[in-house]
Amino acid sequence: MKKIEVLLIATLSLCMLASCSQDAQEEQDDPILVPVTVHVNDFSITQDNIPTNRAAAIESVTSVKAITLAFFASDGSQAYKHTQFKNDASTFTTYGEFSTSLPYGSYTMVVLGYGQGSAAQEITLTGPTAATFGEGRVRDTFSATQAVDITNSNAVELSATLDRIVSALAVRSTDNRPAEVASMRFTFSKGGKSFNPTSGLATENAGFVGLMEYTTAAGTTTNTGTYLFLATDEQTMNVTIETLNADGAVLFSKTVNNVPFKRDRQTILTGPLYSNSGVSVGSFMVNNEWITAYNMDL
């Protein structure tokens, strides 16, 4: 399973005189705020079939283009949340470092690392068990949650491992894409675009529709992919694949039944997508051998 190992260093200091007693602190009207700095240091990416880890500096990991860090108090309220976009220097001072102030208390820390398209798209995170891509397309997503207690002024060092929580579908054509095909539409009968950061599972299982527009030149075979969240670690569902022209008219449609998916794995569908004659659309094949080494740059 591919993981992202994250070193989170929290430096805690109290804004008070050392001579103040605990009783005096409790009598203050305002809560004591403890400065917290979270530093995402290095990523270590592991694949199942490679026995050693390959560490990489965060700025060199191309699949993670945004990091959302949040702290939620024990009553569920949001104490802090911020998203850094790798390609937007206005969202950070040092990419991978977060600074805030938190009062004494118990928190759940949520860290999400995920991919981006051409425009910055922030995951909507409302709690340790609720997040969604909303109307946007699901991207490669890694997640970790952890309980954090702030009880004194001692420096605290936190560590967490972000696991990939999505499954992937790749559709590979055996014929060349003609110029009139502008996009591919995927319809999943199960799974969803919303997820629980703590469990990594989908919080809805009604399926969804995703659209992938082509940006490369026509006349060659295609390898198109998308991500989804599963309601269980392994799930079987029907997938409808459609090719569309620039006006949105359907040129080809094929439903593949009982397609197997697994979290942190890719399922590959291979077959003709663009041929108008002489090809049996029943020749689609399902490759359910879980492949971890394939990376999609979407």
Protein backbone atom coordinates (compact mmCIF):
# COMPACT_ATOMS: atom_id res chain seq x y z
CA MET A 1 0.00 0.00 0.00
CA LYS A 2 1.37 3.39 -0.93
CA LYS A 3 1.70 5.63 2.08
CA ILE A 4 2.85 9.16 2.71
CA GLU A 5 4.77 9.46 5.93
CA VAL A 6 4.53 12.91 7.44
CA LEU A 7 6.53 14.33 10.30
CA LEU A 8 4.45 16.86 12.20
CA ILE A 9 6.36 18.97 14.70
CA ALA A 10 4.26 21.05 17.07
CA THR A 11 6.10 23.67 19.14
CA LEU A 12 4.05 24.75 22.12
CA SER A 13 4.72 27.77 24.32
CA LEU A 14 2.55 29.60 26.85
CA CYS A 15 1.79 33.33 26.69
CA MET A 16 1.93 33.80 30.49
CA LEU A 17 4.32 34.61 33.32
CA ALA A 18 6.09 31.59 34.75
CA SER A 19 5.03 32.58 38.25
CA CYS A 20 1.31 32.25 37.51
CA SER A 21 -0.30 29.32 39.24
CA GLN A 22 -2.77 26.91 37.65
CA ASP A 23 -5.55 28.35 39.84
CA ALA A 24 -4.83 31.85 38.59
CA GLN A 25 -4.95 30.62 35.02
CA GLU A 26 -8.35 29.07 35.50
CA GLU A 27 -9.68 32.37 36.84
CA GLN A 28 -8.82 34.27 33.67
CA ASP A 29 -11.77 35.23 31.50
CA ASP A 30 -10.09 34.39 28.18
CA PRO A 31 -8.71 30.94 27.38
CA ILE A 32 -4.94 30.57 27.23
CA LEU A 33 -3.87 30.24 23.61
CA VAL A 34 -0.98 27.89 22.90
CA PRO A 35 0.95 28.60 19.66
CA VAL A 36 1.11 25.45 17.54
CA THR A 37 3.39 24.98 14.55
CA VAL A 38 2.85 21.95 12.30
CA HIS A 39 5.67 21.13 9.91
CA VAL A 40 5.23 18.59 7.13
CA ASN A 41 8.80 17.48 6.70
CA ASP A 42 9.34 14.62 4.27
CA PHE A 43 7.29 12.10 2.37
CA SER A 44 8.28 8.44 2.24
CA ILE A 45 6.45 6.63 -0.55
CA THR A 46 6.13 2.84 -0.30
CA GLN A 47 4.82 0.37 -2.83
CA ASP A 48 3.81 -3.20 -1.98
CA ASN A 49 6.40 -4.85 -4.17
CA ILE A 50 9.36 -2.69 -3.11
CA PRO A 51 10.89 -3.68 0.25
CA THR A 52 12.50 -0.28 0.92
CA ASN A 53 11.07 3.20 1.26
CA ARG A 54 11.98 6.09 -1.04
CA ALA A 55 11.98 9.38 0.80
CA ALA A 56 11.23 12.57 -1.11
CA ALA A 57 11.04 16.21 -0.10
CA ILE A 58 7.46 17.45 -0.14
CA GLU A 59 8.07 19.93 -2.94
CA SER A 60 9.13 17.10 -5.26
CA VAL A 61 6.02 14.94 -4.74
CA THR A 62 3.97 15.85 -7.80
CA SER A 63 0.84 13.85 -6.94
CA VAL A 64 0.15 15.92 -3.80
CA LYS A 65 -0.51 19.53 -4.77
CA ALA A 66 -2.55 20.64 -1.75
CA ILE A 67 -2.41 20.00 1.99
CA THR A 68 -5.29 20.71 4.35
CA LEU A 69 -4.61 20.70 8.08
CA ALA A 70 -7.38 21.04 10.65
CA PHE A 71 -7.87 20.69 14.40
CA PHE A 72 -11.34 19.86 15.73
CA ALA A 73 -12.17 20.24 19.42
CA SER A 74 -13.79 17.49 21.46
CA ASP A 75 -17.22 19.11 21.02
CA GLY A 76 -16.83 18.90 17.24
CA SER A 77 -16.13 22.60 16.67
CA GLN A 78 -13.39 23.63 14.30
CA ALA A 79 -10.43 25.18 16.12
CA TYR A 80 -8.21 25.66 13.08
CA LYS A 81 -8.17 24.87 9.38
CA HIS A 82 -5.97 25.97 6.52
CA THR A 83 -5.12 24.71 3.04
CA GLN A 84 -1.82 25.24 1.28
CA PHE A 85 -1.73 25.01 -2.50
CA LYS A 86 1.66 24.05 -3.85
CA ASN A 87 1.29 26.34 -6.87
CA ASP A 88 0.01 29.33 -4.89
CA ALA A 89 2.72 30.90 -2.75
CA SER A 90 0.18 33.25 -1.15
CA THR A 91 -1.23 30.29 0.83
CA PHE A 92 1.96 29.58 2.76
CA THR A 93 5.18 31.06 4.04
CA THR A 94 7.00 27.75 3.84
CA TYR A 95 5.14 25.01 2.01
CA GLY A 96 4.31 22.25 4.46
CA GLU A 97 4.51 24.39 7.61
CA PHE A 98 1.41 25.55 9.47
CA SER A 99 1.26 27.90 12.47
CA THR A 100 -1.71 28.69 14.73
CA SER A 101 -2.65 29.10 18.39
CA LEU A 102 -4.86 26.69 20.30
CA PRO A 103 -6.18 26.78 23.88
CA TYR A 104 -5.68 23.89 26.26
CA GLY A 105 -7.86 20.96 25.34
CA SER A 106 -8.30 17.75 23.41
CA TYR A 107 -8.37 17.81 19.62
CA THR A 108 -8.54 15.59 16.59
CA MET A 109 -5.95 16.54 14.02
CA VAL A 110 -6.86 15.86 10.38
CA VAL A 111 -4.29 16.03 7.58
CA LEU A 112 -5.32 15.60 3.94
CA GLY A 113 -2.95 15.53 0.97
CA TYR A 114 -4.50 15.51 -2.47
CA GLY A 115 -4.03 16.28 -6.15
CA GLN A 116 -5.20 19.30 -8.10
CA GLY A 117 -6.24 20.19 -11.58
CA SER A 118 -5.31 23.38 -13.40
CA ALA A 119 -7.19 25.45 -10.80
CA ALA A 120 -6.93 25.28 -7.02
CA GLN A 121 -9.66 23.09 -5.58
CA GLU A 122 -9.96 22.75 -1.83
CA ILE A 123 -11.56 19.72 -0.24
CA THR A 124 -14.54 20.72 1.91
CA LEU A 125 -13.62 19.40 5.36
CA THR A 126 -16.23 19.79 8.11
CA GLY A 127 -15.04 17.27 10.69
CA PRO A 128 -12.84 14.22 11.33
CA THR A 129 -15.52 12.07 9.69
CA ALA A 130 -16.84 14.34 6.93
CA ALA A 131 -15.14 15.68 3.81
CA THR A 132 -16.05 15.97 0.13
CA PHE A 133 -14.80 17.08 -3.27
CA GLY A 134 -18.28 18.49 -3.88
CA GLU A 135 -18.89 19.31 -7.53
CA GLY A 136 -15.22 18.90 -8.37
CA ARG A 137 -13.56 15.77 -9.67
CA VAL A 138 -12.16 13.27 -7.17
CA ARG A 139 -8.36 13.44 -7.03
CA ASP A 140 -5.69 11.20 -5.60
CA THR A 141 -6.21 11.55 -1.84
CA PHE A 142 -4.21 10.66 1.27
CA SER A 143 -5.48 11.05 4.82
CA ALA A 144 -4.51 10.74 8.48
CA THR A 145 -6.25 11.62 11.74
CA GLN A 146 -4.81 11.70 15.21
CA ALA A 147 -5.83 12.64 18.74
CA VAL A 148 -3.87 15.57 20.18
CA ASP A 149 -3.97 16.77 23.81
CA ILE A 150 -2.55 20.17 24.75
CA THR A 151 -2.11 20.19 28.50
CA ASN A 152 1.08 22.17 29.18
CA SER A 153 3.78 24.32 27.60
CA ASN A 154 6.18 21.51 26.77
CA ALA A 155 7.22 21.15 23.14
CA VAL A 156 5.38 18.33 21.38
CA GLU A 157 6.52 16.33 18.37
CA LEU A 158 3.77 14.64 16.36
CA SER A 159 4.11 12.09 13.58
CA ALA A 160 1.52 10.64 11.24
CA THR A 161 1.35 8.42 8.17
CA LEU A 162 -1.02 9.45 5.40
CA ASP A 163 -2.57 6.49 3.59
CA ARG A 164 -4.05 6.62 0.12
CA ILE A 165 -7.81 6.20 0.57
CA VAL A 166 -9.08 6.28 -3.02
CA SER A 167 -9.51 3.59 -5.64
CA ALA A 168 -8.70 4.24 -9.30
CA LEU A 169 -10.23 3.30 -12.64
CA ALA A 170 -8.16 3.35 -15.83
CA VAL A 171 -9.82 2.96 -19.24
CA ARG A 172 -7.41 2.08 -22.05
CA SER A 173 -8.54 2.13 -25.65
CA THR A 174 -7.25 -0.33 -28.21
CA ASP A 175 -8.23 2.01 -31.06
CA ASN A 176 -7.27 5.59 -31.86
CA ARG A 177 -9.35 8.53 -30.68
CA PRO A 178 -10.92 10.49 -33.56
CA ALA A 179 -10.94 14.29 -33.49
CA GLU A 180 -14.69 14.53 -32.85
CA VAL A 181 -14.37 12.81 -29.44
CA ALA A 182 -13.88 15.60 -26.91
CA SER A 183 -14.47 13.91 -23.54
CA MET A 184 -15.24 10.70 -21.67
CA ARG A 185 -17.96 10.32 -19.06
CA PHE A 186 -17.89 7.75 -16.27
CA THR A 187 -21.00 6.70 -14.34
CA PHE A 188 -20.42 4.59 -11.22
CA SER A 189 -23.37 2.71 -9.73
CA LYS A 190 -21.83 2.79 -6.23
CA GLY A 191 -19.19 4.67 -4.26
CA GLY A 192 -19.06 8.44 -3.98
CA LYS A 193 -17.17 11.72 -3.88
CA SER A 194 -17.59 12.33 -0.14
CA PHE A 195 -15.54 10.48 2.47
CA ASN A 196 -14.70 9.95 6.11
CA PRO A 197 -11.08 11.09 6.71
CA THR A 198 -10.78 8.82 9.74
CA SER A 199 -11.92 5.57 8.10
CA GLY A 200 -11.05 6.54 4.54
CA LEU A 201 -14.40 5.19 3.32
CA ALA A 202 -17.12 6.88 1.30
CA THR A 203 -19.92 8.49 3.29
CA GLU A 204 -22.36 7.96 0.42
CA ASN A 205 -22.82 4.91 -1.78
CA ALA A 206 -25.25 6.03 -4.47
CA GLY A 207 -22.64 6.39 -7.21
CA PHE A 208 -21.80 9.51 -9.20
CA VAL A 209 -20.95 10.82 -12.65
CA GLY A 210 -17.53 12.13 -13.62
CA LEU A 211 -16.33 13.82 -16.80
CA MET A 212 -12.82 13.79 -18.24
CA GLU A 213 -12.02 16.18 -21.08
CA TYR A 214 -9.23 15.37 -23.52
CA THR A 215 -6.44 17.91 -23.85
CA THR A 216 -4.04 15.87 -26.00
CA ALA A 217 -4.07 15.55 -29.77
CA ALA A 218 -6.40 13.02 -31.41
CA GLY A 219 -5.25 10.08 -33.52
CA THR A 220 -3.71 7.86 -30.84
CA THR A 221 -4.91 5.34 -28.27
CA THR A 222 -5.97 6.79 -24.93
CA ASN A 223 -5.42 5.98 -21.29
CA THR A 224 -8.07 7.83 -19.28
CA GLY A 225 -8.55 7.56 -15.56
CA THR A 226 -10.50 8.76 -12.56
CA TYR A 227 -10.67 8.20 -8.80
CA LEU A 228 -13.50 7.30 -6.43
CA PHE A 229 -14.15 6.56 -2.77
CA LEU A 230 -15.47 3.12 -1.85
CA ALA A 231 -18.01 2.33 0.87
CA THR A 232 -15.97 -0.74 1.87
CA ASP A 233 -12.35 -1.69 1.37
CA GLU A 234 -13.34 -3.81 -1.64
CA GLN A 235 -16.44 -3.16 -3.70
CA THR A 236 -18.01 -4.39 -6.93
CA MET A 237 -20.14 -2.11 -9.10
CA ASN A 238 -21.29 -1.38 -12.65
CA VAL A 239 -19.45 1.28 -14.65
CA THR A 240 -20.86 3.02 -17.73
CA ILE A 241 -18.35 4.57 -20.12
CA GLU A 242 -19.45 7.13 -22.69
CA THR A 243 -17.53 9.16 -25.25
CA LEU A 244 -18.93 12.60 -26.08
CA ASN A 245 -18.41 15.18 -28.79
CA ALA A 246 -17.86 18.89 -28.14
CA ASP A 247 -21.64 19.47 -27.94
CA GLY A 248 -22.10 16.76 -25.31
CA ALA A 249 -23.75 14.24 -27.62
CA VAL A 250 -23.01 10.58 -26.82
CA LEU A 251 -20.96 8.84 -29.52
CA PHE A 252 -20.35 5.55 -27.73
CA SER A 253 -21.77 3.97 -24.59
CA LYS A 254 -20.83 0.75 -22.84
CA THR A 255 -21.78 -0.56 -19.39
CA VAL A 256 -19.36 -3.03 -17.79
CA ASN A 257 -21.04 -4.99 -15.00
CA ASN A 258 -19.53 -6.20 -11.74
CA VAL A 259 -16.25 -4.30 -11.97
CA PRO A 260 -14.08 -5.01 -8.89
CA PHE A 261 -12.44 -2.14 -7.00
CA LYS A 262 -10.16 -1.98 -3.99
CA ARG A 263 -8.79 0.97 -2.05
CA ASP A 264 -5.23 1.97 -2.98
CA ARG A 265 -5.51 -0.13 -6.14
CA GLN A 266 -6.28 0.46 -9.77
CA THR A 267 -8.73 -1.46 -11.95
CA ILE A 268 -8.04 -1.36 -15.69
CA LEU A 269 -10.65 -1.68 -18.43
CA THR A 270 -9.25 -2.32 -21.92
CA GLY A 271 -11.18 -2.36 -25.20
CA PRO A 272 -12.27 -0.42 -28.31
CA LEU A 273 -13.89 2.94 -27.62
CA TYR A 274 -13.93 4.81 -30.89
CA SER A 275 -14.41 2.29 -33.71
CA ASN A 276 -17.66 2.73 -35.64
CA SER A 277 -17.80 -0.66 -37.33
CA GLY A 278 -16.22 -4.07 -37.43
CA VAL A 279 -15.66 -4.22 -33.69
CA SER A 280 -17.66 -6.11 -31.11
CA VAL A 281 -18.18 -3.96 -28.03
CA GLY A 282 -18.54 -7.18 -26.08
CA SER A 283 -14.76 -7.61 -26.29
CA PHE A 284 -14.15 -5.40 -23.24
CA MET A 285 -11.91 -7.04 -20.68
CA VAL A 286 -11.57 -6.40 -16.98
CA ASN A 287 -8.11 -6.52 -15.46
CA ASN A 288 -8.61 -6.81 -11.72
CA GLU A 289 -5.00 -7.51 -10.84
CA TRP A 290 -4.29 -4.75 -8.36
CA ILE A 291 -1.49 -2.59 -9.67
CA THR A 292 0.22 -0.15 -7.32
CA ALA A 293 3.08 1.10 -9.45
CA TYR A 294 0.98 2.96 -12.00
CA ASN A 295 0.69 6.71 -11.52
CA MET A 296 -1.91 8.82 -13.28
CA ASP A 297 -1.19 12.50 -13.83
CA LEU A 298 -4.71 13.89 -14.09
